C-alpha cells in the first residue's frame, strides 16, 4: 500500500533537525522526551521557554503552527502529552512542551506524575528563562490558569500569555473578551496576546516576542517586537 505524503514536515523520532520556515526559527528537532523529573538535554544548557496550558487549550495546534512542523500530536482527546518534550530550535534555544493540566479524566497517578515533572522544571536549579502560558481565548479566566500565573510569579519565571482559538471569538465580542482576559492576566511584566493556530493571527508577533526574550540582542539599538491585540478604545 502506498503511503500518502503529508504536505507538512513531521519531526522524526530521531534527533535529526528538520528544516522549517517558522516564526521561531529555521530548524527544529526533538532533543529529549523527558519522562523523569530532573531530566534535561545533555551538553551546555540553552535558553528555554516552557509551554503550559490546560489540556484542551489547543497547545499542540499552536506549537505545530509556531514551529511550522508537526512536532505535537493533535487529538480530540485532551491529555495526550505524556512527557516534557524538549525541542531544540536553531541550536539557539529550547521549547519545552509540557503535559496539560486540569483534565479530570486523566488517571490520578498520571496527573500526579505530570505535576511532579512540571513542578521540578519550574522550581529546580535550572529553571526556564521564560514561560508561554496558553489560556482559552473563548472563555473567561479559569481558576487553574490563575493558579498557574501565581505559581510562575512565585517561581520568578517571566511569562507571556497567549489567548488561543481567537478565530472562534466573534468580532463583536473581541473587545470585551480581551479586556476581561487582560484584567486578569496582563500587567507591566506580563504580556497578553490573542492568537490563532487556524488563521495564523499574531503568530509572527508571538514568535518575535519569544525570541526577543530568549536570545540576547546582537545589534545595538535593536528593539523588541511590539505585541499586537491589546484592547483599543471601543467605537
Protein backbone atom coordinates (compact mmCIF):
# COMPACT_ATOMS: atom_id res chain seq x y z
CA UNK A 1 0.00 0.00 0.00
CA UNK A 2 1.36 3.41 -0.94
CA UNK A 3 1.71 5.83 1.96
CA UNK A 4 0.29 9.28 1.32
CA UNK A 5 2.79 12.07 1.73
CA UNK A 6 1.94 14.92 4.08
CA UNK A 7 2.44 18.47 2.80
CA UNK A 8 3.71 19.46 6.25
CA UNK A 9 7.02 18.10 7.51
CA UNK A 10 6.98 15.97 10.63
CA UNK A 11 9.62 15.95 13.32
CA UNK A 12 11.06 12.41 13.34
CA UNK A 13 11.58 10.30 16.42
CA UNK A 14 15.33 10.60 15.93
CA UNK A 15 17.25 13.74 16.79
CA UNK A 16 17.75 14.86 13.20
CA UNK A 17 16.92 18.53 12.63
CA UNK A 18 14.03 19.41 10.33
CA UNK A 19 14.24 22.47 8.10
CA UNK A 20 11.28 24.78 8.68
CA UNK A 21 10.20 28.33 7.96
CA UNK A 22 8.56 29.29 11.21
CA UNK A 23 8.11 32.36 13.43
CA UNK A 24 10.65 30.83 15.83
CA UNK A 25 13.43 29.63 13.57
CA UNK A 26 14.70 27.66 10.61
CA UNK A 27 15.46 24.26 12.12
CA UNK A 28 13.83 22.21 14.87
CA UNK A 29 14.47 18.81 16.35
CA UNK A 30 13.17 16.78 19.24
CA UNK A 31 16.13 16.54 21.58
CA UNK A 32 14.60 14.82 24.58
CA UNK A 33 11.26 13.37 25.70
CA UNK A 34 11.76 13.62 29.48
CA UNK A 35 9.70 11.13 31.48
CA UNK A 36 11.56 11.60 34.77
CA UNK A 37 11.72 14.69 36.95
CA UNK A 38 15.02 16.48 36.53
CA UNK A 39 15.82 15.10 33.08
CA UNK A 40 17.50 17.67 30.86
CA UNK A 41 19.16 17.61 27.44
CA UNK A 42 22.87 16.82 27.57
CA UNK A 43 25.53 19.43 26.99
CA UNK A 44 25.65 23.09 27.81
CA UNK A 45 22.22 24.49 28.72
CA UNK A 46 20.46 26.74 26.22
CA UNK A 47 17.84 29.38 26.97
CA UNK A 48 14.42 27.76 27.20
CA UNK A 49 10.74 28.61 27.06
CA UNK A 50 8.28 26.28 28.73
CA UNK A 51 4.82 25.96 27.15
CA UNK A 52 1.97 25.45 29.62
CA UNK A 53 -1.79 25.31 29.45
CA UNK A 54 -4.91 23.37 30.27
CA UNK A 55 -5.37 20.07 28.48
CA UNK A 56 -7.94 21.36 25.98
CA UNK A 57 -6.43 24.79 25.29
CA UNK A 58 -5.10 23.92 21.82
CA UNK A 59 -1.45 23.66 22.85
CA UNK A 60 -0.47 21.06 20.25
CA UNK A 61 -2.04 23.01 17.39
CA UNK A 62 -0.32 26.21 18.47
CA UNK A 63 3.08 24.55 18.81
CA UNK A 64 2.75 22.99 15.36
CA UNK A 65 1.86 26.39 13.91
CA UNK A 66 4.64 28.23 15.73
CA UNK A 67 7.28 25.71 14.65
CA UNK A 68 5.74 25.07 11.19
CA UNK A 69 6.13 21.33 11.62
CA UNK A 70 4.03 18.66 13.31
CA UNK A 71 6.00 18.27 16.50
CA UNK A 72 2.94 17.66 18.66
CA UNK A 73 0.10 15.23 18.14
CA UNK A 74 -3.25 16.98 17.75
CA UNK A 75 -6.07 14.94 19.25
CA UNK A 76 -9.73 15.37 20.05
CA UNK A 77 -8.95 13.79 23.42
CA UNK A 78 -7.13 16.13 25.83
CA UNK A 79 -4.11 14.93 27.81
CA UNK A 80 -2.11 13.26 25.02
CA UNK A 81 1.21 14.85 26.00
CA UNK A 82 2.79 12.37 28.41
CA UNK A 83 6.27 13.83 28.93
CA UNK A 84 8.29 17.03 28.80
CA UNK A 85 9.28 17.31 25.14
CA UNK A 86 12.41 19.40 24.62
CA UNK A 87 12.61 20.84 21.09
CA UNK A 88 15.86 22.47 20.00
CA UNK A 89 15.33 25.45 17.69
CA UNK A 90 18.22 26.72 15.52
CA UNK A 91 20.68 25.41 18.12
CA UNK A 92 19.78 28.64 19.94
CA UNK A 93 17.08 27.74 22.48
CA UNK A 94 14.71 25.03 23.65
CA UNK A 95 10.93 24.94 23.50
CA UNK A 96 9.62 22.64 26.25
CA UNK A 97 6.16 21.18 25.65
CA UNK A 98 4.56 20.22 28.98
CA UNK A 99 1.61 17.93 29.70
CA UNK A 100 -1.65 19.86 30.02
CA UNK A 101 -3.19 20.42 33.42
CA UNK A 102 -6.77 20.36 34.63
CA UNK A 103 -8.12 17.34 32.73
CA UNK A 104 -10.24 15.46 35.28
CA UNK A 105 -10.46 12.25 33.24
CA UNK A 106 -6.69 11.71 33.36
CA UNK A 107 -5.82 8.97 35.87
CA UNK A 108 -4.84 10.34 39.27
CA UNK A 109 -1.43 8.67 39.17
CA UNK A 110 -0.72 10.28 35.79
CA UNK A 111 -1.87 13.71 37.00
CA UNK A 112 0.44 13.46 39.99
CA UNK A 113 3.37 12.37 37.82
CA UNK A 114 2.79 15.21 35.35
CA UNK A 115 2.51 17.70 38.22
CA UNK A 116 5.83 16.45 39.59
CA UNK A 117 7.55 16.82 36.23
CA UNK A 118 6.27 20.38 35.78
CA UNK A 119 6.94 21.45 39.37
CA UNK A 120 10.56 20.28 39.26
CA UNK A 121 11.06 22.01 35.93
CA UNK A 122 9.69 25.31 37.24
CA UNK A 123 11.32 25.25 40.68
CA UNK A 124 14.55 23.29 40.14
CA UNK A 125 18.07 24.64 39.87
CA UNK A 126 17.88 25.09 36.08
CA UNK A 127 14.61 26.92 35.60
CA UNK A 128 13.26 28.02 32.23
CA UNK A 129 14.10 31.55 31.14
CA UNK A 130 10.52 32.18 30.01
CA UNK A 131 7.05 30.67 30.20
CA UNK A 132 4.42 30.75 27.47
CA UNK A 133 1.09 30.26 29.21
CA UNK A 134 -1.83 29.42 26.95
CA UNK A 135 -5.37 30.34 28.00
CA UNK A 136 -8.55 29.68 26.04
CA UNK A 137 -9.49 32.94 24.35
CA UNK A 138 -13.14 31.88 24.07
CA UNK A 139 -13.60 31.57 27.83
CA UNK A 140 -13.39 33.81 30.82
CA UNK A 141 -10.42 33.49 33.21
CA UNK A 142 -10.20 29.96 34.64
CA UNK A 143 -9.16 29.13 38.20
CA UNK A 144 -6.50 26.66 37.03
CA UNK A 145 -4.91 29.36 34.86
CA UNK A 146 -5.00 31.85 37.72
CA UNK A 147 -3.19 29.29 39.87
CA UNK A 148 -0.53 28.75 37.20
CA UNK A 149 0.04 32.51 36.83
CA UNK A 150 0.59 32.74 40.59
CA UNK A 151 2.89 29.70 40.57
CA UNK A 152 5.02 31.20 37.79
CA UNK A 153 5.19 34.55 39.55
CA UNK A 154 6.32 32.93 42.80
CA UNK A 155 8.90 30.89 40.85
CA UNK A 156 10.25 34.10 39.33
CA UNK A 157 9.74 32.99 35.73
CA UNK A 158 8.86 35.75 33.23
CA UNK A 159 5.64 34.91 31.42
CA UNK A 160 3.92 35.65 28.13
CA UNK A 161 0.21 34.77 27.99
CA UNK A 162 -1.35 33.78 24.66
CA UNK A 163 -5.14 33.62 24.32
CA UNK A 164 -5.72 30.73 21.90
CA UNK A 165 -8.55 29.98 19.46
CA UNK A 166 -9.06 33.69 18.83
CA UNK A 167 -10.55 32.95 15.42
CA UNK A 168 -13.55 31.42 17.24
CA UNK A 169 -14.33 34.68 19.06
CA UNK A 170 -16.84 36.82 17.18
CA UNK A 171 -15.60 40.24 16.16
CA UNK A 172 -18.43 41.87 18.10
CA UNK A 173 -17.23 40.13 21.30
CA UNK A 174 -13.49 40.55 20.91
CA UNK A 175 -13.05 43.86 22.70
CA UNK A 176 -14.94 42.79 25.84
CA UNK A 177 -13.34 39.34 25.87
CA UNK A 178 -9.81 40.68 25.50
CA UNK A 179 -10.45 43.30 28.16
CA UNK A 180 -11.65 40.62 30.61
CA UNK A 181 -8.59 38.44 29.94
CA UNK A 182 -6.21 41.40 30.16
CA UNK A 183 -7.66 42.46 33.51
CA UNK A 184 -6.80 39.02 34.88
CA UNK A 185 -3.57 38.06 33.13
CA UNK A 186 -1.81 41.16 31.78
CA UNK A 187 0.38 43.56 33.74
CA UNK A 188 3.56 45.59 33.24
CA UNK A 189 5.69 42.45 33.35
CA UNK A 190 3.35 40.00 31.60
CA UNK A 191 2.18 40.43 28.02
CA UNK A 192 -1.16 39.09 26.74
CA UNK A 193 -1.56 38.34 23.05
CA UNK A 194 -4.61 36.82 21.29
CA UNK A 195 -3.56 34.21 18.71
CA UNK A 196 -4.99 31.64 16.33
CA UNK A 197 -3.29 28.50 15.06
CA UNK A 198 -6.03 28.23 12.42
CA UNK A 199 -5.61 31.64 10.78
CA UNK A 200 -2.09 32.46 11.97
CA UNK A 201 -3.28 35.67 13.61
CA UNK A 202 -0.48 37.24 15.68
CA UNK A 203 1.75 34.15 15.42
CA UNK A 204 4.65 36.07 13.80
CA UNK A 205 4.37 38.67 16.57
CA UNK A 206 4.34 35.95 19.23
CA UNK A 207 7.38 34.29 17.66
CA UNK A 208 9.35 37.57 17.64
CA UNK A 209 8.30 38.32 21.19
CA UNK A 210 9.53 34.94 22.46
CA UNK A 211 12.82 35.18 20.56
CA UNK A 212 13.45 38.70 21.85
CA UNK A 213 13.05 37.40 25.39
CA UNK A 214 15.25 34.32 24.84
CA UNK A 215 18.07 35.45 22.59
CA UNK A 216 20.31 38.39 23.58
CA UNK A 217 20.15 41.23 21.10
CA UNK A 218 23.15 41.15 18.77
CA UNK A 219 22.65 44.57 17.21
CA UNK A 220 22.92 47.70 19.31
CA UNK A 221 19.65 49.55 19.40
CA UNK A 222 17.53 46.64 18.14
CA UNK A 223 14.07 46.95 19.61
CA UNK A 224 11.95 44.02 20.82
CA UNK A 225 8.80 43.09 18.95
CA UNK A 226 5.73 45.10 19.89
CA UNK A 227 2.81 42.76 20.66
CA UNK A 228 -0.46 43.47 18.94
CA UNK A 229 -4.00 42.92 20.09
CA UNK A 230 -4.18 44.96 23.29
CA UNK A 231 -7.60 46.41 23.94
CA UNK A 232 -8.28 49.58 21.94
CA UNK A 233 -10.89 52.17 22.59
CA UNK A 234 -14.27 50.74 21.65
CA UNK A 235 -16.04 52.63 18.88
